[in-house]
Amino acid sequence: MNSSGDAILLLSFGGPDRTEEVIPFLNNVLRGRNVPRERMLEVAEHYYHFGGKSPINDQNRALLGALSEVLAAQGPHLPLYWGNRNWHPLLADTLRQMAADGVRRAFAFVTSAYSSYSGCRQYLEDIARARAEVGPEAPEVLKLRVFYDQPGFIEPMADRVRTALERVPIERRETAMLAFTAHSIPVSMAEPSRYVQQVEEVCRLVAESAGRTEYRLVYQSRSGGPGQPWLGPDVLEYLREVAVTHPRADIVLAPIGFVSDHMEVVYDLDTEARKLCEQLGLNMVRAQTVGADPRFAAMIRDLVLERIAAPDRDMCKEDCCPAPRSRPRIP
């Protein structure tokens, strides 16, 4: 154990690894929420489509590996831990292990780039709940700030957009359309946060770096009822519009709202959106997410060093990202 008692914690959403874990996982996601069972079973089918295994866990393991390499080469030499909101390794279990290992303070990197209730405040609530469950021996957990505008996120995404554009035949590349996708959230969650402004800023920075001046921001993965306003337009609506205004267009979809190719990317884009594009006669190319890019891992290191230097400088204001009036049904 390192003498400082410090550690780094990767804090993520979690996901099932096999079919029998899908329903228990979704029960965790939906705990305390009034969601019809048929809606939960509908989402379960997304996981069954991929054998019941979410890609997110392997992607988090890859990110931990990349971060471990960065720390081994450059320091600080702190142990790495991983805990999830909704599935194993659960956050409370991870904090128990940290306490047993003598960790007194952890710097938590949350795999959400933007400020919103579900991407920021709810993780702070998860940390407080898990620490209370573990008890007085639980380590202090300092959440690192959101990273939407950091070069270690922007530059890899710009590279991935350029790579996706290069997959369009050269004679059509200049006219290919670029659309960034972000996770839709309820308007009541977006309004008191800076979610939309931050996503728009990232779109601008990535497009500029990739050499594109024209692009569109659309949203995906809406899960609320029809009576609850969510951010739009939805990516599927947008694709239908494109098919009318630009028949047989080439379109690059760049999931700017996500840091890895997890379920909402591989199902909502690679499966649903691609199927629709085939029906509409559109040529869809999907840009990759940052994943375990070494620059992204180095960015995490930089955020840790920043917080070590100023542990009392909490970037989250006490009233930041309040809960919406009506919480989303399925994140």
Protein backbone atom coordinates (compact mmCIF):
# COMPACT_ATOMS: atom_id res chain seq x y z
CA MET A 1 0.00 0.00 0.00
CA ASN A 2 1.30 3.45 -0.86
CA SER A 3 2.29 5.61 2.09
CA SER A 4 -0.05 8.47 1.16
CA GLY A 5 -3.23 6.46 1.62
CA ASP A 6 -4.51 7.89 -1.67
CA ALA A 7 -6.02 5.95 -4.57
CA ILE A 8 -7.83 6.51 -7.87
CA LEU A 9 -11.38 5.27 -8.34
CA LEU A 10 -13.00 4.68 -11.73
CA LEU A 11 -16.72 5.21 -11.15
CA SER A 12 -19.11 4.11 -13.88
CA PHE A 13 -22.68 3.05 -14.67
CA GLY A 14 -22.19 -0.70 -14.80
CA GLY A 15 -23.76 -3.40 -16.93
CA PRO A 16 -24.47 -7.14 -17.05
CA ASP A 17 -21.94 -9.70 -18.26
CA ARG A 18 -24.40 -12.53 -18.97
CA THR A 19 -28.07 -13.12 -19.72
CA GLU A 20 -29.11 -14.04 -16.19
CA GLU A 21 -27.77 -10.72 -14.91
CA VAL A 22 -29.86 -8.52 -17.21
CA ILE A 23 -33.07 -8.34 -15.16
CA PRO A 24 -31.30 -7.92 -11.78
CA PHE A 25 -29.18 -5.18 -13.35
CA LEU A 26 -32.23 -3.36 -14.72
CA ASN A 27 -33.97 -3.71 -11.35
CA ASN A 28 -30.99 -1.87 -9.85
CA VAL A 29 -31.15 0.83 -12.51
CA LEU A 30 -34.86 1.37 -11.92
CA ARG A 31 -35.00 1.01 -8.15
CA GLY A 32 -37.34 3.55 -6.59
CA ARG A 33 -38.83 4.55 -9.94
CA ASN A 34 -42.34 3.94 -11.17
CA VAL A 35 -41.55 2.20 -14.46
CA PRO A 36 -43.90 -0.28 -16.14
CA ARG A 37 -42.46 -3.78 -16.30
CA GLU A 38 -43.10 -3.95 -20.04
CA ARG A 39 -40.77 -0.98 -20.53
CA MET A 40 -38.03 -2.74 -18.56
CA LEU A 41 -38.49 -5.91 -20.61
CA GLU A 42 -38.25 -3.87 -23.79
CA VAL A 43 -34.85 -2.53 -22.71
CA ALA A 44 -33.81 -6.03 -21.62
CA GLU A 45 -34.19 -7.12 -25.25
CA HIS A 46 -31.41 -4.70 -26.19
CA TYR A 47 -29.06 -6.67 -23.95
CA TYR A 48 -30.36 -10.06 -25.09
CA HIS A 49 -29.62 -8.98 -28.65
CA PHE A 50 -25.93 -9.09 -27.63
CA GLY A 51 -26.11 -12.28 -25.59
CA GLY A 52 -26.92 -10.47 -22.35
CA LYS A 53 -23.47 -8.88 -22.16
CA SER A 54 -22.95 -5.12 -22.01
CA PRO A 55 -19.73 -3.87 -23.64
CA ILE A 56 -19.20 -1.31 -20.87
CA ASN A 57 -17.37 -3.58 -18.42
CA ASP A 58 -14.68 -4.68 -20.87
CA GLN A 59 -14.30 -1.07 -21.96
CA ASN A 60 -13.78 0.06 -18.37
CA ARG A 61 -11.20 -2.69 -17.90
CA ALA A 62 -9.40 -1.44 -21.00
CA LEU A 63 -9.46 2.13 -19.68
CA LEU A 64 -8.08 0.98 -16.34
CA GLY A 65 -5.29 -0.79 -18.22
CA ALA A 66 -4.45 2.33 -20.21
CA LEU A 67 -4.48 4.48 -17.07
CA SER A 68 -2.28 1.96 -15.27
CA GLU A 69 0.31 2.26 -18.05
CA VAL A 70 0.27 6.05 -17.84
CA LEU A 71 0.70 6.02 -14.06
CA ALA A 72 3.49 3.42 -14.22
CA ALA A 73 5.39 5.61 -16.69
CA GLN A 74 4.68 9.05 -15.23
CA GLY A 75 3.24 8.64 -11.74
CA PRO A 76 1.72 9.23 -9.32
CA HIS A 77 2.02 5.61 -8.29
CA LEU A 78 -1.43 5.20 -6.79
CA PRO A 79 -3.55 2.04 -6.72
CA LEU A 80 -6.52 1.85 -9.07
CA TYR A 81 -10.02 0.72 -8.10
CA TRP A 82 -13.26 0.36 -10.00
CA GLY A 83 -16.82 0.68 -8.73
CA ASN A 84 -20.21 0.92 -10.46
CA ARG A 85 -23.54 2.54 -9.77
CA ASN A 86 -25.73 -0.35 -10.85
CA TRP A 87 -23.77 -3.61 -11.16
CA HIS A 88 -20.71 -5.45 -9.97
CA PRO A 89 -18.24 -4.30 -8.89
CA LEU A 90 -20.72 -2.20 -6.91
CA LEU A 91 -19.40 1.03 -5.43
CA ALA A 92 -20.04 0.09 -1.80
CA ASP A 93 -18.16 -3.20 -2.23
CA THR A 94 -15.25 -1.34 -3.80
CA LEU A 95 -15.14 1.16 -0.93
CA ARG A 96 -15.06 -1.74 1.55
CA GLN A 97 -12.07 -3.20 -0.26
CA MET A 98 -10.37 0.17 -0.31
CA ALA A 99 -10.90 0.58 3.42
CA ALA A 100 -9.46 -2.89 4.02
CA ASP A 101 -6.43 -1.92 1.93
CA GLY A 102 -5.84 1.18 4.02
CA VAL A 103 -7.04 3.73 1.49
CA ARG A 104 -8.05 6.93 3.23
CA ARG A 105 -8.76 9.18 0.24
CA ALA A 106 -9.81 8.40 -3.33
CA PHE A 107 -9.96 10.60 -6.40
CA ALA A 108 -13.01 9.51 -8.39
CA PHE A 109 -13.12 9.75 -12.16
CA VAL A 110 -16.72 9.45 -13.37
CA THR A 111 -17.19 8.21 -16.93
CA SER A 112 -19.54 11.08 -17.79
CA ALA A 113 -18.12 14.12 -19.54
CA TYR A 114 -20.98 16.55 -18.92
CA SER A 115 -22.87 18.30 -16.14
CA SER A 116 -26.38 17.03 -15.48
CA TYR A 117 -28.18 15.33 -12.63
CA SER A 118 -27.59 11.81 -13.97
CA GLY A 119 -24.03 12.57 -15.06
CA CYS A 120 -22.87 14.51 -12.00
CA ARG A 121 -25.10 15.05 -8.96
CA GLN A 122 -26.45 11.50 -8.92
CA TYR A 123 -22.90 10.13 -8.72
CA LEU A 124 -22.25 12.37 -5.72
CA GLU A 125 -25.38 10.90 -4.13
CA ASP A 126 -24.14 7.40 -4.97
CA ILE A 127 -20.82 8.15 -3.28
CA ALA A 128 -22.51 9.49 -0.15
CA ARG A 129 -24.86 6.48 0.01
CA ALA A 130 -22.02 3.97 -0.45
CA ARG A 131 -19.84 5.65 2.17
CA ALA A 132 -22.73 5.61 4.64
CA GLU A 133 -23.25 1.90 3.92
CA VAL A 134 -19.59 1.11 4.54
CA GLY A 135 -19.43 3.19 7.71
CA PRO A 136 -16.78 5.30 9.43
CA GLU A 137 -13.88 3.40 7.87
CA ALA A 138 -14.98 4.36 4.35
CA PRO A 139 -12.39 6.48 2.54
CA GLU A 140 -13.07 10.09 1.62
CA VAL A 141 -14.01 10.27 -2.06
CA LEU A 142 -13.26 13.40 -4.06
CA LYS A 143 -15.00 13.50 -7.43
CA LEU A 144 -12.90 14.90 -10.26
CA ARG A 145 -14.42 17.66 -12.37
CA VAL A 146 -16.23 17.15 -15.66
CA PHE A 147 -13.86 16.96 -18.60
CA TYR A 148 -15.95 17.78 -21.68
CA ASP A 149 -13.59 20.51 -22.95
CA GLN A 150 -10.26 18.85 -22.15
CA PRO A 151 -7.81 18.20 -25.04
CA GLY A 152 -7.51 14.57 -23.95
CA PHE A 153 -11.19 14.15 -24.84
CA ILE A 154 -11.50 16.59 -27.76
CA GLU A 155 -8.43 15.50 -29.75
CA PRO A 156 -9.16 11.74 -29.81
CA MET A 157 -12.77 12.46 -30.79
CA ALA A 158 -11.63 14.73 -33.62
CA ASP A 159 -9.32 11.97 -34.85
CA ARG A 160 -12.20 9.51 -34.81
CA VAL A 161 -14.41 11.89 -36.79
CA ARG A 162 -11.66 12.33 -39.38
CA THR A 163 -11.21 8.56 -39.61
CA ALA A 164 -14.95 8.09 -40.10
CA LEU A 165 -15.03 10.72 -42.84
CA GLU A 166 -12.17 8.93 -44.59
CA ARG A 167 -14.42 5.89 -44.91
CA VAL A 168 -16.68 7.89 -47.22
CA PRO A 169 -15.61 7.59 -50.88
CA ILE A 170 -13.28 10.48 -51.66
CA GLU A 171 -15.47 11.87 -54.43
CA ARG A 172 -18.36 12.28 -51.93
CA ARG A 173 -16.40 13.15 -48.81
CA GLU A 174 -16.82 16.93 -49.01
CA THR A 175 -20.61 16.61 -49.17
CA ALA A 176 -20.88 13.99 -46.41
CA MET A 177 -23.06 15.14 -43.54
CA LEU A 178 -21.79 15.12 -39.95
CA ALA A 179 -24.13 14.67 -36.99
CA PHE A 180 -23.05 14.47 -33.36
CA THR A 181 -25.23 12.46 -30.99
CA ALA A 182 -25.62 12.95 -27.26
CA HIS A 183 -27.81 11.17 -24.73
CA SER A 184 -31.21 12.82 -24.54
CA ILE A 185 -32.31 13.82 -21.07
CA PRO A 186 -35.54 15.37 -19.79
CA VAL A 187 -35.82 19.09 -20.40
CA SER A 188 -36.45 19.45 -16.67
CA MET A 189 -33.00 17.94 -16.06
CA ALA A 190 -31.29 19.95 -18.78
CA GLU A 191 -32.62 23.40 -17.87
CA PRO A 192 -30.98 23.79 -14.44
CA SER A 193 -27.65 22.37 -15.67
CA ARG A 194 -25.11 23.29 -18.35
CA TYR A 195 -25.55 20.01 -20.22
CA VAL A 196 -26.73 21.45 -23.55
CA GLN A 197 -24.19 24.28 -23.55
CA GLN A 198 -21.34 21.87 -22.81
CA VAL A 199 -22.38 19.38 -25.50
CA GLU A 200 -22.71 22.21 -28.03
CA GLU A 201 -19.24 23.45 -27.10
CA VAL A 202 -17.73 20.00 -27.62
CA CYS A 203 -19.43 19.67 -31.01
CA ARG A 204 -17.91 22.98 -32.05
CA LEU A 205 -14.43 22.10 -30.81
CA VAL A 206 -14.39 18.63 -32.35
CA ALA A 207 -15.82 19.78 -35.69
CA GLU A 208 -13.33 22.64 -35.83
CA SER A 209 -10.43 20.30 -35.08
CA ALA A 210 -11.67 17.83 -37.70
CA GLY A 211 -11.86 20.60 -40.31
CA ARG A 212 -15.64 20.72 -40.61
CA THR A 213 -17.75 23.86 -40.45
CA GLU A 214 -21.17 22.29 -40.92
CA TYR A 215 -22.63 19.73 -38.54
CA ARG A 216 -25.76 18.95 -36.57
CA LEU A 217 -26.33 18.01 -32.94
CA VAL A 218 -29.05 15.41 -32.38
CA TYR A 219 -30.01 13.23 -29.44
CA GLN A 220 -30.49 9.53 -28.85
CA SER A 221 -31.61 6.98 -26.26
CA ARG A 222 -34.71 8.80 -25.03
CA SER A 223 -36.59 6.66 -22.51
CA GLY A 224 -39.30 8.86 -21.00
CA GLY A 225 -43.02 8.75 -21.62
CA PRO A 226 -44.54 10.73 -24.50
CA GLY A 227 -45.91 13.37 -22.13
CA GLN A 228 -42.49 14.30 -20.74
CA PRO A 229 -40.41 16.71 -22.85
CA TRP A 230 -36.92 15.42 -23.66
CA LEU A 231 -34.11 17.01 -25.64
CA GLY A 232 -34.38 16.60 -29.39
CA PRO A 233 -34.39 16.12 -32.26
CA ASP A 234 -34.04 12.37 -31.96
CA VAL A 235 -31.41 10.83 -34.23
CA LEU A 236 -33.98 8.64 -35.99
CA GLU A 237 -36.18 11.67 -36.74
CA TYR A 238 -33.13 13.47 -38.08
CA LEU A 239 -32.24 10.58 -40.38
CA ARG A 240 -35.75 10.58 -41.81
CA GLU A 241 -35.42 14.31 -42.51
CA VAL A 242 -32.07 13.78 -44.24
CA ALA A 243 -33.53 11.06 -46.45
CA VAL A 244 -36.10 13.59 -47.72
CA THR A 245 -33.80 16.59 -48.17
CA HIS A 246 -30.63 14.72 -49.22
CA PRO A 247 -31.58 11.36 -50.75
CA ARG A 248 -28.82 8.72 -50.66
CA ALA A 249 -26.58 11.02 -48.60
CA ASP A 250 -23.46 9.91 -46.76
CA ILE A 251 -23.80 10.64 -43.06
CA VAL A 252 -21.27 10.30 -40.26
CA LEU A 253 -22.73 9.81 -36.79
CA ALA A 254 -20.32 10.74 -33.99
CA PRO A 255 -21.51 9.77 -30.46
CA ILE A 256 -20.03 12.79 -28.72
CA GLY A 257 -22.09 12.22 -25.58
CA PHE A 258 -20.37 8.92 -24.72
CA VAL A 259 -16.84 7.93 -23.77
CA SER A 260 -17.08 4.28 -24.84
CA ASP A 261 -19.00 2.12 -27.31
CA HIS A 262 -21.40 0.76 -24.72
CA MET A 263 -24.96 -0.50 -25.11
CA GLU A 264 -26.60 2.78 -26.09
CA VAL A 265 -24.06 3.20 -28.87
CA VAL A 266 -23.98 -0.35 -30.24
CA TYR A 267 -27.77 -0.77 -30.06
CA ASP A 268 -29.24 2.69 -30.66
CA LEU A 269 -26.74 3.64 -33.37
CA ASP A 270 -25.08 0.51 -34.74
CA THR A 271 -28.32 -1.48 -34.72
CA GLU A 272 -31.41 0.78 -34.85
CA ALA A 273 -29.99 3.79 -36.69
CA ARG A 274 -28.05 1.63 -39.15
CA LYS A 275 -31.14 -0.44 -39.95
CA LEU A 276 -33.12 2.74 -40.59
CA CYS A 277 -30.37 4.15 -42.82
CA GLU A 278 -30.41 0.97 -44.88
CA GLN A 279 -34.17 1.29 -45.29
CA LEU A 280 -33.86 4.97 -46.24
CA GLY A 281 -30.97 4.48 -48.66
CA LEU A 282 -28.48 6.49 -46.57
CA ASN A 283 -24.83 5.51 -46.24
CA MET A 284 -24.14 5.66 -42.50
CA VAL A 285 -20.64 5.67 -41.03
CA ARG A 286 -20.28 5.68 -37.27
CA ALA A 287 -17.31 7.33 -35.58
CA GLN A 288 -15.76 5.54 -32.63
CA THR A 289 -15.69 6.93 -29.09
CA VAL A 290 -12.51 7.79 -27.16
CA GLY A 291 -12.49 4.45 -25.34
CA ALA A 292 -9.06 3.67 -23.88
CA ASP A 293 -7.11 6.15 -26.00
CA PRO A 294 -3.77 6.89 -24.24
CA ARG A 295 -4.48 10.63 -24.46
CA PHE A 296 -7.76 10.11 -22.62
CA ALA A 297 -5.99 8.08 -19.92
CA ALA A 298 -3.35 10.82 -19.62
CA MET A 299 -6.16 13.35 -19.17
CA ILE A 300 -7.44 11.38 -16.17
CA ARG A 301 -3.96 11.53 -14.67
CA ASP A 302 -3.89 15.30 -15.17
CA LEU A 303 -7.25 15.70 -13.43
CA VAL A 304 -5.99 13.63 -10.50
CA LEU A 305 -2.87 15.77 -10.19
CA GLU A 306 -5.02 18.89 -10.32
CA ARG A 307 -7.15 17.66 -7.43
CA ILE A 308 -4.18 16.43 -5.40
CA ALA A 309 -2.76 19.95 -5.64
CA ALA A 310 -6.07 21.49 -4.51
CA PRO A 311 -8.07 18.83 -2.65
CA ASP A 312 -10.39 21.41 -1.10
CA ARG A 313 -11.26 22.99 -4.43
CA ASP A 314 -14.53 21.26 -5.27
CA MET A 315 -15.52 22.05 -8.86
CA CYS A 316 -19.14 21.05 -8.15
CA LYS A 317 -21.13 23.77 -6.45
CA GLU A 318 -23.37 22.68 -3.61
CA ASP A 319 -26.50 23.19 -5.69
CA CYS A 320 -25.16 22.03 -9.06
CA CYS A 321 -27.16 19.75 -11.34
CA PRO A 322 -30.31 19.38 -9.21
CA ALA A 323 -32.62 16.41 -9.68
CA PRO A 324 -35.32 16.98 -12.32
CA ARG A 325 -38.91 17.33 -11.29
CA SER A 326 -39.56 13.94 -12.82
CA ARG A 327 -36.59 11.60 -13.06
CA PRO A 328 -35.84 9.71 -16.29
CA ARG A 329 -37.11 6.20 -16.45
CA ILE A 330 -34.06 4.42 -17.86
CA PRO A 331 -30.69 6.20 -18.20
